[in-house]
Protein backbone atom coordinates (compact mmCIF):
# COMPACT_ATOMS: atom_id res chain seq x y z
CA MET A 1 10.01 15.52 36.09
CA THR A 2 9.18 12.21 34.40
CA LEU A 3 9.18 9.27 36.76
CA PRO A 4 7.87 5.68 36.56
CA ILE A 5 4.16 5.59 37.39
CA GLY A 6 4.62 3.53 40.48
CA THR A 7 7.32 5.84 41.78
CA THR A 8 5.21 8.89 41.18
CA ALA A 9 2.22 7.30 42.94
CA LEU A 10 4.37 6.39 45.99
CA LEU A 11 6.03 9.82 46.27
CA ALA A 12 2.67 11.56 45.89
CA PHE A 13 1.12 9.37 48.55
CA LEU A 14 3.93 9.93 50.97
CA LEU A 15 3.90 13.69 50.34
CA GLY A 16 0.14 13.78 50.95
CA TYR A 17 0.44 11.70 54.09
CA ALA A 18 3.17 13.89 55.48
CA ILE A 19 1.24 17.09 54.99
CA GLY A 20 -2.16 15.55 55.89
CA SER A 21 -0.85 14.19 59.19
CA ILE A 22 -0.06 17.67 60.61
CA PRO A 23 -2.63 17.93 63.53
CA PHE A 24 -3.48 21.58 63.21
CA GLY A 25 -6.51 21.45 65.52
CA LEU A 26 -4.45 19.98 68.33
CA LEU A 27 -1.55 22.45 67.76
CA LEU A 28 -3.79 25.54 67.48
CA VAL A 29 -5.80 24.71 70.65
CA ARG A 30 -2.63 24.15 72.61
CA ALA A 31 -1.09 27.37 71.28
CA ALA A 32 -4.24 29.25 72.39
CA GLY A 33 -3.68 27.93 75.91
CA LYS A 34 -6.89 25.83 75.83
CA GLY A 35 -5.24 22.52 76.70
CA ASP A 36 -5.66 19.26 74.71
CA VAL A 37 -8.61 19.27 72.30
CA ARG A 38 -8.76 15.43 72.73
CA ASP A 39 -10.00 15.97 76.24
CA VAL A 40 -13.04 17.99 75.16
CA GLY A 41 -16.35 16.83 73.59
CA SER A 42 -15.97 14.05 71.11
CA GLY A 43 -12.11 14.00 71.57
CA ASN A 44 -11.67 14.68 67.83
CA ILE A 45 -9.02 17.03 66.48
CA GLY A 46 -11.20 18.50 63.79
CA ALA A 47 -12.86 21.88 63.51
CA THR A 48 -16.22 20.94 65.07
CA ASN A 49 -14.54 19.80 68.28
CA VAL A 50 -12.07 22.69 68.21
CA LEU A 51 -15.06 24.94 68.25
CA ARG A 52 -16.10 23.44 71.57
CA ALA A 53 -12.57 23.61 72.95
CA ALA A 54 -11.38 27.06 71.77
CA GLY A 55 -14.14 29.08 70.06
CA LYS A 56 -14.97 30.20 66.58
CA GLY A 57 -11.69 31.81 65.57
CA ILE A 58 -9.50 28.81 66.31
CA ALA A 59 -12.13 26.50 64.76
CA ALA A 60 -12.19 28.58 61.56
CA ALA A 61 -8.41 28.51 61.37
CA THR A 62 -8.45 24.79 61.88
CA LEU A 63 -11.02 24.35 59.08
CA VAL A 64 -8.94 26.38 56.61
CA LEU A 65 -5.64 24.64 57.49
CA ASP A 66 -7.24 21.16 57.36
CA ALA A 67 -8.66 22.02 53.89
CA LEU A 68 -5.24 23.14 52.75
CA LYS A 69 -3.81 19.79 53.84
CA GLY A 70 -5.86 18.32 51.06
CA LEU A 71 -5.22 21.08 48.44
CA VAL A 72 -1.55 21.69 48.86
CA PRO A 73 -0.09 18.19 48.21
CA ILE A 74 -2.33 17.81 45.11
CA ALA A 75 -0.95 21.12 43.80
CA ILE A 76 2.60 20.04 44.59
CA ALA A 77 2.26 16.72 42.88
CA ALA A 78 0.84 18.37 39.76
CA MET A 79 3.69 20.87 39.72
CA LEU A 80 6.48 18.43 40.31
CA TRP A 81 5.34 15.36 38.34
CA GLY A 82 2.28 16.33 36.41
CA ALA A 83 0.64 13.23 37.81
CA GLY A 84 -0.24 11.43 41.06
CA GLN A 85 -2.79 13.97 42.17
CA ASP A 86 -5.19 11.23 43.16
CA TRP A 87 -2.47 9.45 45.23
CA ALA A 88 -1.58 12.72 46.87
CA ALA A 89 -5.24 13.27 47.73
CA LEU A 90 -5.52 9.78 49.21
CA GLY A 91 -2.35 10.29 51.28
CA ALA A 92 -3.50 13.58 52.62
CA PHE A 93 -6.90 12.24 53.64
CA LEU A 94 -5.49 9.15 55.36
CA GLY A 95 -2.79 11.27 57.00
CA HIS A 96 -5.44 13.51 58.49
CA CYS A 97 -7.63 10.61 59.66
CA PHE A 98 -4.79 8.31 60.86
CA PRO A 99 -1.70 10.40 61.75
CA VAL A 100 1.17 8.33 62.94
CA TRP A 101 2.10 11.13 65.42
CA LEU A 102 -1.20 10.61 67.37
CA ARG A 103 -1.28 6.82 67.26
CA PHE A 104 -3.40 6.91 64.15
CA ARG A 105 -6.27 8.77 65.92
CA GLY A 106 -6.96 11.92 63.85
CA GLY A 107 -9.92 13.75 62.47
CA LYS A 108 -12.93 12.62 60.46
CA GLY A 109 -11.69 14.08 57.23
CA VAL A 110 -14.46 16.43 56.05
CA ALA A 111 -12.45 19.65 55.99
CA THR A 112 -9.56 17.89 54.28
CA LEU A 113 -12.10 16.47 51.77
CA ILE A 114 -13.02 20.08 50.81
CA GLY A 115 -9.38 20.81 49.96
CA ILE A 116 -9.06 17.54 48.10
CA GLY A 117 -12.15 18.26 46.09
CA LEU A 118 -10.87 21.77 45.14
CA GLY A 119 -7.46 20.37 44.29
CA LEU A 120 -8.74 17.67 41.98
CA HIS A 121 -11.28 19.87 40.18
CA TRP A 122 -13.23 22.96 41.27
CA THR A 123 -16.54 21.33 40.31
CA ILE A 124 -15.91 18.57 42.81
CA GLY A 125 -14.84 20.96 45.54
CA LEU A 126 -17.77 23.30 44.95
CA SER A 127 -20.20 20.34 45.09
CA VAL A 128 -18.72 19.24 48.39
CA ILE A 129 -18.99 22.74 49.93
CA VAL A 130 -22.54 23.34 48.72
CA VAL A 131 -23.86 20.01 49.90
CA TRP A 132 -22.08 20.20 53.19
CA LEU A 133 -23.36 23.74 54.00
CA ALA A 134 -26.91 22.98 52.80
CA VAL A 135 -27.34 19.78 54.71
CA ALA A 136 -25.72 21.20 57.84
CA LYS A 137 -27.85 24.31 57.71
CA LEU A 138 -31.10 22.44 57.12
CA SER A 139 -30.51 19.65 59.58
CA ARG A 140 -28.39 21.56 62.19
CA ILE A 141 -26.35 18.41 62.43
CA SER A 142 -22.62 18.72 61.55
CA SER A 143 -21.97 15.02 61.08
CA LEU A 144 -24.89 14.66 58.63
CA GLY A 145 -23.53 17.51 56.60
CA GLY A 146 -20.12 15.94 56.54
CA MET A 147 -21.36 12.50 55.42
CA ALA A 148 -23.55 14.09 52.71
CA ALA A 149 -20.54 16.13 51.46
CA ALA A 150 -18.45 12.95 51.30
CA ALA A 151 -21.16 11.25 49.25
CA ALA A 152 -21.35 14.33 46.97
CA ALA A 153 -17.63 14.10 45.97
CA PRO A 154 -17.76 10.79 43.97
CA LEU A 155 -21.19 11.70 42.60
CA ALA A 156 -19.80 15.02 41.34
CA ALA A 157 -16.75 13.34 39.78
CA LEU A 158 -19.16 11.02 37.97
CA ALA A 159 -21.54 13.82 36.92
CA PHE A 160 -18.86 16.19 35.65
CA GLY A 161 -16.82 13.60 33.83
CA HIS A 162 -13.82 13.32 36.26
CA THR A 163 -14.11 9.53 36.60
CA ILE A 164 -10.34 9.18 36.95
CA TYR A 165 -10.75 10.43 40.52
CA LEU A 166 -13.73 8.16 41.28
CA PRO A 167 -11.80 5.33 42.97
CA VAL A 168 -10.06 7.65 45.49
CA LEU A 169 -13.23 9.56 46.30
CA LEU A 170 -15.12 6.28 46.86
CA VAL A 171 -12.38 5.26 49.34
CA VAL A 172 -12.65 8.65 50.99
CA PHE A 173 -16.41 8.31 51.29
CA ALA A 174 -16.11 4.88 52.87
CA VAL A 175 -13.51 6.13 55.38
CA VAL A 176 -15.75 9.08 56.24
CA LEU A 177 -18.58 6.72 57.01
CA LEU A 178 -16.31 4.58 59.10
CA ARG A 179 -15.05 7.63 61.09
CA HIS A 180 -18.63 8.67 61.64
CA ARG A 181 -19.96 5.23 62.80
CA ALA A 182 -20.68 6.62 66.35
CA ASN A 183 -22.51 9.58 64.83
CA ILE A 184 -24.48 7.26 62.67
CA ALA A 185 -25.57 5.25 65.69
CA ARG A 186 -26.63 8.43 67.46
CA LEU A 187 -28.57 9.61 64.37
CA ILE A 188 -30.45 6.38 64.35
CA SER A 189 -31.19 6.66 68.09
CA GLY A 190 -32.09 10.43 67.81
CA THR A 191 -29.33 11.51 70.19
CA GLU A 192 -26.86 13.16 67.82
CA PRO A 193 -26.18 16.76 69.04
CA ARG A 194 -27.21 19.70 66.92
CA ILE A 195 -24.95 22.56 65.90
CA GLY A 196 -24.77 25.07 68.72
CA ARG A 197 -25.20 22.58 71.47
CA LYS A 198 -22.38 21.07 73.55
CA GLY A 199 -21.67 17.38 73.39
């Protein structure tokens, strides 16, 4: 379907936001009878905090579904309009981080970034996954892995010639840092919890 560029961008962004704003972590923890994930640990609705609230199975499901929130709207935009994938990606990411349903208090965006990377181009997605896993494994600090993965996305777009996606990935990187500002402060002070520890 051929639409004006501005219309395509707006529709793709709204589609991405609608899908990205579904709070899977919150819904899954409640469905498992574990209460409100926002009352546990960091109060975040993402997979890391879901792990604290409901265990590995629910956390894994949250991770996959949050990644799909990034991938699915990009795929739909490509199928419907053949354009607007970058706007769908941005909408999905902002929807996850700032869902209107939760008074704009959502997740930190790393899992959704994985889906966005895979949706935009597999080289970007693979780079995000590899860097995230490597840094998290070596440091045993989830937030450090997430921020490193967010930095890897625009670098991969630049390195592999997908510069059309560079603006949206730079915005995503900036928002990830913003969402991790408390983690950054704890990293500097040496009090950031390591993977496997509560807190």
